[in-house]
C-alpha atoms as a PDB file:
ATOM      1  CA  LEU A   1     159.843 -74.166 103.257  1.00  0.00           C
ATOM      2  CA  VAL A   2     163.450 -73.341 102.528  1.00  0.00           C
ATOM      3  CA  ARG A   3     164.308 -77.024 103.270  1.00  0.00           C
ATOM      4  CA  GLN A   4     161.935 -78.275 100.549  1.00  0.00           C
ATOM      5  CA  GLN A   5     163.618 -75.970  98.011  1.00  0.00           C
ATOM      6  CA  LEU A   6     167.057 -77.144  98.974  1.00  0.00           C
ATOM      7  CA  VAL A   7     166.155 -80.806  98.688  1.00  0.00           C
ATOM      8  CA  ALA A   8     164.684 -80.203  95.234  1.00  0.00           C
ATOM      9  CA  ALA A   9     167.725 -78.212  94.139  1.00  0.00           C
ATOM     10  CA  VAL A  10     170.136 -80.981  95.316  1.00  0.00           C
ATOM     11  CA  ALA A  11     168.115 -83.665  93.472  1.00  0.00           C
ATOM     12  CA  LYS A  12     168.371 -81.616  90.266  1.00  0.00           C
ATOM     13  CA  ARG A  13     172.083 -80.918  90.713  1.00  0.00           C
ATOM     14  CA  VAL A  14     173.112 -84.539  91.390  1.00  0.00           C
ATOM     15  CA  ARG A  15     170.611 -85.976  88.828  1.00  0.00           C
ATOM     16  CA  ALA A  16     169.495 -88.620  91.206  1.00  0.00           C
ATOM     17  CA  PRO A  17     166.547 -89.089  93.762  1.00  0.00           C
ATOM     18  CA  VAL A  18     167.355 -87.460  97.066  1.00  0.00           C
ATOM     19  CA  ALA A  19     165.946 -88.923 100.327  1.00  0.00           C
ATOM     20  CA  TYR A  20     165.924 -86.454 103.173  1.00  0.00           C
ATOM     21  CA  CYS A  21     165.498 -88.016 106.610  1.00  0.00           C
ATOM     22  CA  ASN A  22     164.861 -85.874 109.620  1.00  0.00           C
ATOM     23  CA  GLN A  23     164.334 -86.811 113.242  1.00  0.00           C
ATOM     24  CA  ILE A  24     161.254 -85.857 115.202  1.00  0.00           C
ATOM     25  CA  GLY A  25     160.843 -84.498 118.755  1.00  0.00           C
ATOM     26  CA  GLY A  26     162.552 -82.305 121.247  1.00  0.00           C
ATOM     27  CA  HIS A  27     165.947 -82.234 122.761  1.00  0.00           C
ATOM     28  CA  ASP A  28     165.648 -79.775 125.622  1.00  0.00           C
ATOM     29  CA  GLU A  29     164.772 -76.487 123.833  1.00  0.00           C
ATOM     30  CA  LEU A  30     165.538 -77.691 120.335  1.00  0.00           C
ATOM     31  CA  LEU A  31     162.621 -79.110 118.284  1.00  0.00           C
ATOM     32  CA  PHE A  32     162.866 -81.382 115.201  1.00  0.00           C
ATOM     33  CA  ASP A  33     159.850 -81.491 112.989  1.00  0.00           C
ATOM     34  CA  GLY A  34     160.270 -84.539 110.812  1.00  0.00           C
ATOM     35  CA  GLY A  35     158.908 -84.023 107.311  1.00  0.00           C
ATOM     36  CA  SER A  36     161.218 -86.608 105.709  1.00  0.00           C
ATOM     37  CA  CYS A  37     160.823 -86.690 101.930  1.00  0.00           C
ATOM     38  CA  ILE A  38     162.051 -88.099  98.610  1.00  0.00           C
ATOM     39  CA  VAL A  39     162.441 -85.799  95.536  1.00  0.00           C
ATOM     40  CA  THR A  40     163.516 -86.870  92.062  1.00  0.00           C
ATOM     41  CA  PRO A  41     165.656 -84.746  89.671  1.00  0.00           C
ATOM     42  CA  ASP A  42     162.633 -83.559  87.790  1.00  0.00           C
ATOM     43  CA  GLY A  43     161.557 -81.724  91.009  1.00  0.00           C
ATOM     44  CA  VAL A  44     158.661 -84.193  91.612  1.00  0.00           C
ATOM     45  CA  TRP A  45     157.807 -85.170  95.228  1.00  0.00           C
ATOM     46  CA  ARG A  46     157.685 -89.024  95.566  1.00  0.00           C
ATOM     47  CA  MET A  47     157.097 -89.224  99.278  1.00  0.00           C
ATOM     48  CA  CYS A  48     156.507 -86.734 102.086  1.00  0.00           C
ATOM     49  CA  ALA A  49     156.187 -87.771 105.753  1.00  0.00           C
ATOM     50  CA  PRO A  50     154.027 -85.776 108.120  1.00  0.00           C
ATOM     51  CA  ARG A  51     155.531 -83.242 110.453  1.00  0.00           C
ATOM     52  CA  TRP A  52     155.670 -83.715 114.209  1.00  0.00           C
ATOM     53  CA  ARG A  53     154.732 -87.361 113.945  1.00  0.00           C
ATOM     54  CA  ALA A  54     157.102 -90.305 113.871  1.00  0.00           C
ATOM     55  CA  GLY A  55     156.479 -93.345 111.734  1.00  0.00           C
ATOM     56  CA  VAL A  56     157.719 -95.835 109.134  1.00  0.00           C
ATOM     57  CA  PHE A  57     156.780 -94.811 105.580  1.00  0.00           C
ATOM     58  CA  ILE A  58     157.236 -96.792 102.314  1.00  0.00           C
ATOM     59  CA  ALA A  59     157.794 -94.886  99.080  1.00  0.00           C
ATOM     60  CA  ASP A  60     157.267 -95.867  95.479  1.00  0.00           C
ATOM     61  CA  LEU A  61     159.371 -93.666  93.109  1.00  0.00           C
ATOM     62  CA  ALA A  62     156.610 -94.037  90.522  1.00  0.00           C
ATOM     63  CA  ASP A  63     154.174 -92.219  92.836  1.00  0.00           C
ATOM     64  CA  GLU A  64     153.710 -88.381  92.724  1.00  0.00           C
ATOM     65  CA  VAL A  65     152.614 -86.594  95.858  1.00  0.00           C
ATOM     66  CA  ALA A  66     151.792 -82.953  96.408  1.00  0.00           C
ATOM     67  CA  PRO A  67     154.420 -80.853  98.116  1.00  0.00           C
ATOM     68  CA  PRO A  68     153.442 -80.262 101.753  1.00  0.00           C
ATOM     69  CA  SER A  69     151.492 -77.035 102.674  1.00  0.00           C
ATOM     70  CA  VAL A  70     151.911 -75.770 106.184  1.00  0.00           C
ATOM     71  CA  ASP A  71     149.466 -73.729 108.237  1.00  0.00           C
ATOM     72  CA  PRO A  72     151.918 -71.574 110.406  1.00  0.00           C
ATOM     73  CA  ILE A  73     149.750 -71.501 113.399  1.00  0.00           C
ATOM     74  CA  ALA A  74     148.683 -75.128 113.301  1.00  0.00           C
ATOM     75  CA  ASP A  75     152.350 -76.081 112.773  1.00  0.00           C
ATOM     76  CA  LEU A  76     153.331 -73.866 115.776  1.00  0.00           C
ATOM     77  CA  HIS A  77     150.696 -75.634 117.945  1.00  0.00           C
ATOM     78  CA  ASP A  78     151.928 -79.095 116.891  1.00  0.00           C
ATOM     79  CA  ALA A  79     155.588 -78.023 117.569  1.00  0.00           C
ATOM     80  CA  LEU A  80     154.773 -76.860 121.020  1.00  0.00           C
ATOM     81  CA  VAL A  81     152.719 -79.969 121.844  1.00  0.00           C
ATOM     82  CA  CYS A  82     155.496 -82.291 120.526  1.00  0.00           C
ATOM     83  CA  GLY A  83     158.196 -80.267 122.456  1.00  0.00           C
ATOM     84  CA  LEU A  84     156.232 -80.286 125.740  1.00  0.00           C
ATOM     85  CA  ARG A  85     155.430 -84.053 125.444  1.00  0.00           C
ATOM     86  CA  ASP A  86     159.067 -84.945 124.624  1.00  0.00           C
ATOM     87  CA  TYR A  87     160.504 -82.761 127.366  1.00  0.00           C
ATOM     88  CA  CYS A  88     158.264 -84.439 130.000  1.00  0.00           C
ATOM     89  CA  THR A  89     158.933 -87.944 128.625  1.00  0.00           C
ATOM     90  CA  LYS A  90     162.729 -87.534 128.609  1.00  0.00           C
ATOM     91  CA  THR A  91     162.865 -85.869 131.987  1.00  0.00           C
ATOM     92  CA  ARG A  92     160.411 -88.560 133.418  1.00  0.00           C
ATOM     93  CA  GLN A  93     157.861 -86.002 134.257  1.00  0.00           C
ATOM     94  CA  SER A  94     154.331 -87.434 133.895  1.00  0.00           C
ATOM     95  CA  ARG A  95     152.422 -84.508 135.531  1.00  0.00           C
ATOM     96  CA  VAL A  96     152.467 -80.731 135.279  1.00  0.00           C
ATOM     97  CA  VAL A  97     151.004 -77.927 137.268  1.00  0.00           C
ATOM     98  CA  LEU A  98     150.521 -74.244 136.354  1.00  0.00           C
ATOM     99  CA  GLY A  99     148.877 -71.106 137.509  1.00  0.00           C
ATOM    100  CA  LEU A 100     145.586 -70.165 135.830  1.00  0.00           C
ATOM    101  CA  SER A 101     144.988 -66.417 135.809  1.00  0.00           C
ATOM    102  CA  GLY A 102     141.988 -66.193 133.575  1.00  0.00           C
ATOM    103  CA  GLY A 103     144.205 -64.647 130.852  1.00  0.00           C
ATOM    104  CA  ILE A 104     145.210 -65.889 127.433  1.00  0.00           C
ATOM    105  CA  ASP A 105     148.773 -67.029 128.170  1.00  0.00           C
ATOM    106  CA  SER A 106     147.971 -69.473 130.903  1.00  0.00           C
ATOM    107  CA  ALA A 107     144.909 -70.653 128.954  1.00  0.00           C
ATOM    108  CA  VAL A 108     146.952 -71.542 125.859  1.00  0.00           C
ATOM    109  CA  VAL A 109     149.662 -73.267 127.974  1.00  0.00           C
ATOM    110  CA  ALA A 110     147.033 -75.301 129.790  1.00  0.00           C
ATOM    111  CA  ALA A 111     145.454 -76.382 126.406  1.00  0.00           C
ATOM    112  CA  LEU A 112     148.842 -77.324 125.088  1.00  0.00           C
ATOM    113  CA  ALA A 113     149.581 -79.346 128.224  1.00  0.00           C
ATOM    114  CA  VAL A 114     146.368 -81.235 127.869  1.00  0.00           C
ATOM    115  CA  ALA A 115     147.063 -81.943 124.174  1.00  0.00           C
ATOM    116  CA  ALA A 116     150.529 -83.177 125.150  1.00  0.00           C
ATOM    117  CA  LEU A 117     149.908 -85.140 128.269  1.00  0.00           C
ATOM    118  CA  GLY A 118     146.212 -85.628 128.751  1.00  0.00           C
ATOM    119  CA  ALA A 119     143.781 -83.785 130.990  1.00  0.00           C
ATOM    120  CA  GLU A 120     144.395 -86.189 133.907  1.00  0.00           C
ATOM    121  CA  GLN A 121     148.041 -85.160 134.033  1.00  0.00           C
ATOM    122  CA  VAL A 122     147.393 -81.407 134.296  1.00  0.00           C
ATOM    123  CA  THR A 123     146.573 -79.422 137.458  1.00  0.00           C
ATOM    124  CA  GLY A 124     145.630 -75.774 137.443  1.00  0.00           C
ATOM    125  CA  LEU A 125     145.932 -73.383 140.372  1.00  0.00           C
ATOM    126  CA  LEU A 126     143.666 -70.365 140.554  1.00  0.00           C
ATOM    127  CA  MET A 127     145.361 -67.890 142.879  1.00  0.00           C
ATOM    128  CA  PRO A 128     143.227 -64.729 143.205  1.00  0.00           C
ATOM    129  CA  GLY A 129     144.683 -61.765 145.053  1.00  0.00           C
ATOM    130  CA  PRO A 130     143.454 -58.367 146.269  1.00  0.00           C
ATOM    131  CA  PHE A 131     143.330 -56.914 142.735  1.00  0.00           C
ATOM    132  CA  SER A 132     141.936 -60.007 140.876  1.00  0.00           C
ATOM    133  CA  SER A 133     138.716 -59.331 139.082  1.00  0.00           C
ATOM    134  CA  ARG A 134     135.778 -61.567 139.467  1.00  0.00           C
ATOM    135  CA  GLY A 135     135.801 -62.120 135.723  1.00  0.00           C
ATOM    136  CA  SER A 136     139.393 -63.552 135.782  1.00  0.00           C
ATOM    137  CA  VAL A 137     138.335 -66.215 138.377  1.00  0.00           C
ATOM    138  CA  VAL A 138     135.242 -67.123 136.376  1.00  0.00           C
ATOM    139  CA  ASP A 139     137.329 -67.417 133.151  1.00  0.00           C
ATOM    140  CA  ALA A 140     139.968 -69.566 134.792  1.00  0.00           C
ATOM    141  CA  MET A 141     137.255 -71.833 136.306  1.00  0.00           C
ATOM    142  CA  ALA A 142     135.567 -72.128 132.912  1.00  0.00           C
ATOM    143  CA  LEU A 143     138.817 -73.016 131.214  1.00  0.00           C
ATOM    144  CA  ALA A 144     139.622 -75.739 133.743  1.00  0.00           C
ATOM    145  CA  ASP A 145     136.152 -77.180 133.366  1.00  0.00           C
ATOM    146  CA  ASN A 146     136.228 -77.124 129.544  1.00  0.00           C
ATOM    147  CA  LEU A 147     139.665 -78.783 129.465  1.00  0.00           C
ATOM    148  CA  GLY A 148     138.583 -81.349 132.222  1.00  0.00           C
ATOM    149  CA  ILE A 149     141.655 -80.693 134.381  1.00  0.00           C
ATOM    150  CA  ALA A 150     141.868 -80.746 138.142  1.00  0.00           C
ATOM    151  CA  HIS A 151     141.962 -77.314 139.637  1.00  0.00           C
ATOM    152  CA  HIS A 152     142.087 -75.637 143.016  1.00  0.00           C
ATOM    153  CA  VAL A 153     141.522 -72.119 144.273  1.00  0.00           C
ATOM    154  CA  LEU A 154     144.214 -70.823 146.592  1.00  0.00           C
ATOM    155  CA  SER A 155     143.885 -67.144 147.555  1.00  0.00           C
ATOM    156  CA  ILE A 156     147.044 -65.115 148.133  1.00  0.00           C
ATOM    157  CA  THR A 157     145.221 -62.263 149.836  1.00  0.00           C
ATOM    158  CA  ARG A 158     145.788 -63.281 153.444  1.00  0.00           C
ATOM    159  CA  GLY A 159     149.344 -64.177 152.843  1.00  0.00           C
ATOM    160  CA  PHE A 160     149.892 -60.887 151.015  1.00  0.00           C
ATOM    161  CA  GLU A 161     148.419 -58.910 153.906  1.00  0.00           C
ATOM    162  CA  THR A 162     150.520 -60.870 156.466  1.00  0.00           C
ATOM    163  CA  LEU A 163     153.732 -60.222 154.529  1.00  0.00           C
ATOM    164  CA  LEU A 164     152.926 -56.513 154.202  1.00  0.00           C
ATOM    165  CA  GLY A 165     152.489 -56.396 158.029  1.00  0.00           C
ATOM    166  CA  GLU A 166     155.878 -58.034 158.489  1.00  0.00           C
ATOM    167  CA  LEU A 167     157.435 -55.593 156.019  1.00  0.00           C
ATOM    168  CA  ASP A 168     155.754 -52.497 157.419  1.00  0.00           C
ATOM    169  CA  PRO A 169     158.808 -51.299 159.408  1.00  0.00           C
ATOM    170  CA  LEU A 170     160.799 -51.362 156.189  1.00  0.00           C
ATOM    171  CA  PHE A 171     158.052 -50.160 153.834  1.00  0.00           C
ATOM    172  CA  ALA A 172     156.461 -47.485 156.121  1.00  0.00           C
ATOM    173  CA  GLY A 173     156.316 -44.028 154.580  1.00  0.00           C
ATOM    174  CA  SER A 174     156.734 -45.171 151.005  1.00  0.00           C
ATOM    175  CA  ALA A 175     153.948 -45.429 148.429  1.00  0.00           C
ATOM    176  CA  PRO A 176     152.955 -48.872 147.151  1.00  0.00           C
ATOM    177  CA  GLY A 177     154.778 -49.806 144.011  1.00  0.00           C
ATOM    178  CA  LEU A 178     156.745 -52.545 142.265  1.00  0.00           C
ATOM    179  CA  ALA A 179     157.785 -54.255 145.533  1.00  0.00           C
ATOM    180  CA  GLU A 180     154.219 -54.851 146.448  1.00  0.00           C
ATOM    181  CA  GLU A 181     153.282 -56.038 142.954  1.00  0.00           C
ATOM    182  CA  ASN A 182     156.105 -58.443 142.758  1.00  0.00           C
ATOM    183  CA  LEU A 183     155.315 -59.769 146.193  1.00  0.00           C
ATOM    184  CA  GLN A 184     151.980 -61.028 144.908  1.00  0.00           C
ATOM    185  CA  ALA A 185     153.657 -62.725 141.897  1.00  0.00           C
ATOM    186  CA  ARG A 186     156.119 -64.433 144.194  1.00  0.00           C
ATOM    187  CA  LEU A 187     153.412 -65.583 146.503  1.00  0.00           C
ATOM    188  CA  ARG A 188     151.832 -67.309 143.548  1.00  0.00           C
ATOM    189  CA  GLY A 189     155.276 -68.742 142.606  1.00  0.00           C
ATOM    190  CA  VAL A 190     155.584 -70.304 146.087  1.00  0.00           C
ATOM    191  CA  LEU A 191     152.148 -71.887 145.787  1.00  0.00           C
ATOM    192  CA  VAL A 192     152.898 -73.294 142.302  1.00  0.00           C
ATOM    193  CA  MET A 193     156.221 -74.755 143.439  1.00  0.00           C
ATOM    194  CA  ALA A 194     154.661 -76.187 146.641  1.00  0.00           C
ATOM    195  CA  ALA A 195     151.995 -77.901 144.575  1.00  0.00           C
ATOM    196  CA  ALA A 196     154.586 -79.223 142.192  1.00  0.00           C
ATOM    197  CA  ASN A 197     156.650 -80.701 145.026  1.00  0.00           C
ATOM    198  CA  LYS A 198     153.661 -82.310 146.709  1.00  0.00           C
ATOM    199  CA  LEU A 199     152.156 -83.710 143.502  1.00  0.00           C
ATOM    200  CA  GLY A 200     155.387 -84.855 142.000  1.00  0.00           C
ATOM    201  CA  ALA A 201     154.698 -82.595 139.051  1.00  0.00           C
ATOM    202  CA  MET A 202     156.736 -80.168 136.938  1.00  0.00           C
ATOM    203  CA  ALA A 203     155.661 -76.480 137.093  1.00  0.00           C
ATOM    204  CA  LEU A 204     155.084 -74.687 133.701  1.00  0.00           C
ATOM    205  CA  THR A 205     155.694 -71.043 133.291  1.00  0.00           C
ATOM    206  CA  THR A 206     153.242 -69.160 131.126  1.00  0.00           C
ATOM    207  CA  GLY A 207     155.146 -66.104 130.015  1.00  0.00           C
ATOM    208  CA  ASN A 208     155.334 -65.206 126.316  1.00  0.00           C
ATOM    209  CA  LYS A 209     158.321 -63.866 124.355  1.00  0.00           C
ATOM    210  CA  SER A 210     157.027 -60.329 124.303  1.00  0.00           C
ATOM    211  CA  GLU A 211     156.883 -60.149 128.058  1.00  0.00           C
ATOM    212  CA  VAL A 212     160.161 -62.097 128.624  1.00  0.00           C
ATOM    213  CA  ALA A 213     161.967 -59.825 126.145  1.00  0.00           C
ATOM    214  CA  VAL A 214     161.259 -56.640 127.997  1.00  0.00           C
ATOM    215  CA  GLY A 215     161.281 -58.039 131.438  1.00  0.00           C
ATOM    216  CA  TYR A 216     157.537 -57.807 132.130  1.00  0.00           C
ATOM    217  CA  CYS A 217     157.682 -60.693 134.432  1.00  0.00           C
ATOM    218  CA  THR A 218     158.840 -61.457 137.977  1.00  0.00           C
ATOM    219  CA  LEU A 219     161.857 -63.384 139.024  1.00  0.00           C
ATOM    220  CA  TYR A 220     160.995 -66.119 141.525  1.00  0.00           C
ATOM    221  CA  GLY A 221     157.333 -65.438 140.804  1.00  0.00           C
ATOM    222  CA  ASP A 222     155.564 -66.134 137.427  1.00  0.00           C
ATOM    223  CA  MET A 223     158.985 -67.114 136.038  1.00  0.00           C
ATOM    224  CA  ASN A 224     159.089 -70.158 138.359  1.00  0.00           C
ATOM    225  CA  GLY A 225     158.923 -73.500 136.625  1.00  0.00           C
ATOM    226  CA  GLY A 226     160.779 -76.271 134.784  1.00  0.00           C
ATOM    227  CA  LEU A 227     159.747 -75.307 131.169  1.00  0.00           C
ATOM    228  CA  ALA A 228     158.457 -72.296 129.315  1.00  0.00           C
ATOM    229  CA  PRO A 229     156.222 -73.680 126.534  1.00  0.00           C
ATOM    230  CA  ILE A 230     155.397 -70.312 124.905  1.00  0.00           C
ATOM    231  CA  GLY A 231     158.513 -68.364 125.829  1.00  0.00           C
ATOM    232  CA  ASP A 232     159.410 -68.132 122.146  1.00  0.00           C
ATOM    233  CA  CYS A 233     155.986 -67.025 121.038  1.00  0.00           C
ATOM    234  CA  TYR A 234     155.075 -63.385 120.776  1.00  0.00           C
ATOM    235  CA  LYS A 235     151.873 -62.166 122.267  1.00  0.00           C
ATOM    236  CA  THR A 236     150.233 -61.780 118.831  1.00  0.00           C
ATOM    237  CA  GLN A 237     151.072 -65.397 118.153  1.00  0.00           C
ATOM    238  CA  VAL A 238     149.521 -66.418 121.497  1.00  0.00           C
ATOM    239  CA  TRP A 239     146.285 -64.803 120.374  1.00  0.00           C
ATOM    240  CA  ALA A 240     146.491 -66.607 117.137  1.00  0.00           C
ATOM    241  CA  LEU A 241     147.181 -69.944 118.891  1.00  0.00           C
ATOM    242  CA  ALA A 242     144.083 -69.443 121.063  1.00  0.00           C
ATOM    243  CA  ARG A 243     141.887 -68.744 118.009  1.00  0.00           C
ATOM    244  CA  TRP A 244     143.282 -71.939 116.449  1.00  0.00           C
ATOM    245  CA  ILE A 245     142.650 -73.981 119.540  1.00  0.00           C
ATOM    246  CA  ASN A 246     139.080 -72.605 119.557  1.00  0.00           C
ATOM    247  CA  ARG A 247     138.588 -73.241 115.862  1.00  0.00           C
ATOM    248  CA  ASP A 248     135.756 -75.551 116.512  1.00  0.00           C
ATOM    249  CA  ALA A 249     133.071 -73.454 118.167  1.00  0.00           C
ATOM    250  CA  ASN A 250     131.363 -76.482 119.598  1.00  0.00           C
ATOM    251  CA  SER A 251     134.388 -77.524 121.612  1.00  0.00           C
ATOM    252  CA  ALA A 252     136.272 -74.256 122.150  1.00  0.00           C
ATOM    253  CA  PRO A 253     137.983 -74.631 125.550  1.00  0.00           C
ATOM    254  CA  ILE A 254     139.305 -71.117 125.978  1.00  0.00           C
ATOM    255  CA  PRO A 255     136.697 -68.611 127.118  1.00  0.00           C
ATOM    256  CA  GLU A 256     136.142 -65.807 124.656  1.00  0.00           C
ATOM    257  CA  ALA A 257     136.723 -63.240 127.410  1.00  0.00           C
ATOM    258  CA  SER A 258     140.216 -64.634 127.992  1.00  0.00           C
ATOM    259  CA  ILE A 259     141.076 -63.823 124.344  1.00  0.00           C
ATOM    260  CA  THR A 260     139.423 -60.386 124.073  1.00  0.00           C
ATOM    261  CA  LYS A 261     139.915 -58.871 127.508  1.00  0.00           C
ATOM    262  CA  VAL A 262     142.553 -56.118 127.903  1.00  0.00           C
ATOM    263  CA  PRO A 263     145.671 -57.907 129.099  1.00  0.00           C
ATOM    264  CA  SER A 264     146.517 -57.210 132.770  1.00  0.00           C
ATOM    265  CA  ALA A 265     148.745 -58.701 135.445  1.00  0.00           C
ATOM    266  CA  GLU A 266     146.147 -57.496 138.063  1.00  0.00           C
ATOM    267  CA  LEU A 267     148.816 -56.520 140.640  1.00  0.00           C
ATOM    268  CA  ARG A 268     147.338 -53.144 141.311  1.00  0.00           C
ATOM    269  CA  GLU A 269     144.055 -51.334 140.820  1.00  0.00           C
ATOM    270  CA  ASN A 270     142.919 -50.993 137.245  1.00  0.00           C
ATOM    271  CA  GLN A 271     146.201 -52.206 135.880  1.00  0.00           C
ATOM    272  CA  ALA A 272     146.608 -52.942 132.162  1.00  0.00           C
ATOM    273  CA  ASP A 273     149.706 -54.208 130.266  1.00  0.00           C
ATOM    274  CA  GLN A 274     149.603 -51.186 128.056  1.00  0.00           C
ATOM    275  CA  ASP A 275     150.190 -48.871 131.005  1.00  0.00           C
ATOM    276  CA  SER A 276     153.766 -50.110 130.911  1.00  0.00           C
ATOM    277  CA  LEU A 277     154.220 -51.414 127.359  1.00  0.00           C
ATOM    278  CA  PRO A 278     153.354 -50.274 123.793  1.00  0.00           C
ATOM    279  CA  PRO A 279     150.447 -52.063 122.143  1.00  0.00           C
ATOM    280  CA  TYR A 280     151.447 -55.615 121.542  1.00  0.00           C
ATOM    281  CA  GLU A 281     151.097 -55.285 117.748  1.00  0.00           C
ATOM    282  CA  VAL A 282     153.700 -52.488 117.914  1.00  0.00           C
ATOM    283  CA  LEU A 283     155.923 -54.158 120.523  1.00  0.00           C
ATOM    284  CA  ASP A 284     156.019 -57.504 118.629  1.00  0.00           C
ATOM    285  CA  ARG A 285     156.940 -55.774 115.399  1.00  0.00           C
ATOM    286  CA  ILE A 286     159.840 -54.005 116.959  1.00  0.00           C
ATOM    287  CA  LEU A 287     160.986 -57.111 118.875  1.00  0.00           C
ATOM    288  CA  GLN A 288     161.025 -59.214 115.779  1.00  0.00           C
ATOM    289  CA  ARG A 289     163.176 -56.740 113.900  1.00  0.00           C
ATOM    290  CA  PHE A 290     165.563 -56.393 116.856  1.00  0.00           C
ATOM    291  CA  ILE A 291     165.854 -59.916 117.934  1.00  0.00           C
ATOM    292  CA  GLU A 292     165.227 -62.122 114.922  1.00  0.00           C
ATOM    293  CA  ARG A 293     166.560 -59.917 112.190  1.00  0.00           C
ATOM    294  CA  GLY A 294     169.354 -58.321 114.246  1.00  0.00           C
ATOM    295  CA  GLU A 295     168.428 -54.734 113.189  1.00  0.00           C
ATOM    296  CA  SER A 296     169.688 -51.769 115.215  1.00  0.00           C
ATOM    297  CA  ALA A 297     167.460 -49.191 116.794  1.00  0.00           C
ATOM    298  CA  ASP A 298     168.300 -46.761 114.043  1.00  0.00           C
ATOM    299  CA  GLU A 299     167.380 -49.269 111.272  1.00  0.00           C
ATOM    300  CA  ILE A 300     164.032 -50.043 113.012  1.00  0.00           C
ATOM    301  CA  ILE A 301     163.318 -46.278 113.359  1.00  0.00           C
ATOM    302  CA  ALA A 302     164.102 -45.768 109.690  1.00  0.00           C
ATOM    303  CA  SER A 303     161.355 -48.274 108.839  1.00  0.00           C
ATOM    304  CA  GLY A 304     158.809 -45.842 110.266  1.00  0.00           C
ATOM    305  CA  GLU A 305     158.475 -46.868 113.898  1.00  0.00           C
ATOM    306  CA  ASP A 306     158.256 -44.183 116.601  1.00  0.00           C
ATOM    307  CA  PRO A 307     161.862 -43.322 117.783  1.00  0.00           C
ATOM    308  CA  HIS A 308     161.025 -43.028 121.504  1.00  0.00           C
ATOM    309  CA  THR A 309     159.203 -46.303 121.492  1.00  0.00           C
ATOM    310  CA  VAL A 310     161.947 -48.168 119.674  1.00  0.00           C
ATOM    311  CA  ARG A 311     164.727 -46.933 121.892  1.00  0.00           C
ATOM    312  CA  ARG A 312     162.717 -47.693 124.971  1.00  0.00           C
ATOM    313  CA  VAL A 313     161.908 -51.263 123.784  1.00  0.00           C
ATOM    314  CA  VAL A 314     165.562 -51.912 122.820  1.00  0.00           C
ATOM    315  CA  ARG A 315     166.834 -50.733 126.152  1.00  0.00           C
ATOM    316  CA  LEU A 316     164.289 -52.864 128.038  1.00  0.00           C
ATOM    317  CA  VAL A 317     165.475 -55.942 126.109  1.00  0.00           C
ATOM    318  CA  GLU A 318     169.152 -55.148 126.902  1.00  0.00           C
ATOM    319  CA  VAL A 319     168.738 -54.429 130.644  1.00  0.00           C
ATOM    320  CA  ASN A 320     166.635 -57.528 131.353  1.00  0.00           C
ATOM    321  CA  GLU A 321     169.098 -60.191 130.286  1.00  0.00           C
ATOM    322  CA  PHE A 322     169.699 -60.982 134.048  1.00  0.00           C
ATOM    323  CA  LYS A 323     166.088 -62.042 134.269  1.00  0.00           C
ATOM    324  CA  ARG A 324     166.074 -64.269 131.157  1.00  0.00           C
ATOM    325  CA  ARG A 325     169.351 -65.951 132.340  1.00  0.00           C
ATOM    326  CA  GLN A 326     167.506 -67.300 135.397  1.00  0.00           C
ATOM    327  CA  GLY A 327     164.353 -68.410 133.506  1.00  0.00           C
ATOM    328  CA  ALA A 328     163.150 -71.922 132.625  1.00  0.00           C
ATOM    329  CA  PRO A 329     164.216 -73.528 129.370  1.00  0.00           C
ATOM    330  CA  ILE A 330     162.256 -72.195 126.405  1.00  0.00           C
ATOM    331  CA  LEU A 331     160.887 -74.268 123.532  1.00  0.00           C
ATOM    332  CA  ARG A 332     162.544 -72.826 120.484  1.00  0.00           C
ATOM    333  CA  VAL A 333     160.198 -72.123 117.580  1.00  0.00           C
ATOM    334  CA  THR A 334     161.899 -69.084 115.999  1.00  0.00           C
ATOM    335  CA  SER A 335     165.271 -68.438 114.484  1.00  0.00           C
ATOM    336  CA  LYS A 336     166.450 -66.604 117.517  1.00  0.00           C
ATOM    337  CA  SER A 337     165.044 -67.624 120.885  1.00  0.00           C
ATOM    338  CA  PHE A 338     166.286 -66.649 124.277  1.00  0.00           C
ATOM    339  CA  GLY A 339     168.587 -69.152 125.996  1.00  0.00           C
ATOM    340  CA  VAL A 340     170.370 -71.389 123.563  1.00  0.00           C
ATOM    341  CA  GLY A 341     169.328 -69.206 120.660  1.00  0.00           C
ATOM    342  CA  ARG A 342     170.627 -65.869 121.871  1.00  0.00           C
ATOM    343  CA  ARG A 343     173.560 -65.558 124.263  1.00  0.00           C
ATOM    344  CA  VAL A 344     174.671 -62.117 125.346  1.00  0.00           C
ATOM    345  CA  PRO A 345     176.542 -61.200 128.504  1.00  0.00           C
ATOM    346  CA  ILE A 346     174.721 -59.682 131.519  1.00  0.00           C
ATOM    347  CA  ALA A 347     177.562 -57.468 132.703  1.00  0.00           C
ATOM    348  CA  ARG A 348     178.166 -55.124 129.759  1.00  0.00           C
ATOM    349  CA  TRP A 349     177.959 -51.425 129.032  1.00  0.00           C
ATOM    350  CA  ILE A 350     174.483 -50.339 128.003  1.00  0.00           C
ATOM    351  CA  GLY A 351     174.199 -46.745 126.917  1.00  0.00           C
ATOM    352  CA  GLY A 352     171.296 -44.454 127.787  1.00  0.00           C
END
């Protein structure tokens, strides 16, 4: 870690032991990881406190300890659990509710919530619609059972058909499209918020950074909620988190199908995320360069990425600021998260 190198450098420069004391926990989106330490001028570590865990530690300057090693995915998991727990504690929220789609994002958020709050404080809602696969329902049920959380099946199909009937005078003569897809997402959002109100719980959104970046999410639908635990995690990181959560094969809560299936919002027949987006490995690579590193489209293209794909992704990021502005607070785990970490105006000229 850069911080460790800085502490050692300061100790050497001032020729005295340096004690670094860091706070632990979340303040809204901001997360503090702890890791307090003492380093002597010879560069030797004399004490190192754990990350993401508060405590009182006594150091003997005659002791020598190994510099901490950090597993990036384990550390990311611990950061999100700590942030979620602290956010709920400090806002006096003891319970959370979320939609369970059978996909990887909601599975990871549910597992994080259980780790942060306990299974008895988490409620999952399965909300199948006209395009939901049987496998998605089975996977969501298996996840809930494995985690030991309360769960309920609330179909949106009848409500969707009723609303289509009401909208028929307006929609007549036009082919089904985005309006019908978003209507399903917003019906689910209504159910999640209704459950949150009735249960006295906070709704969690389950969107990842890749989707939020390019606007592959629905305002007043799947974006509904009080906190976005994985909103600063790219899709490829979510896959890695799922594998880490399932590291013990004997107690792996996330169904394998949720990890390996082709990602889909299931809002139309045979839909897949890659119908609308580049492969997530490519998308995440471009987004990291554009958002975290601040590279221009031309600089990203010069690195070897496909020009059309880069320009399309950059434009999607730029035109979807209005969605992100209305989203839930995001736990910040990168150098440039949406919200407090990256502020740009909505009303600005965007070329193309």
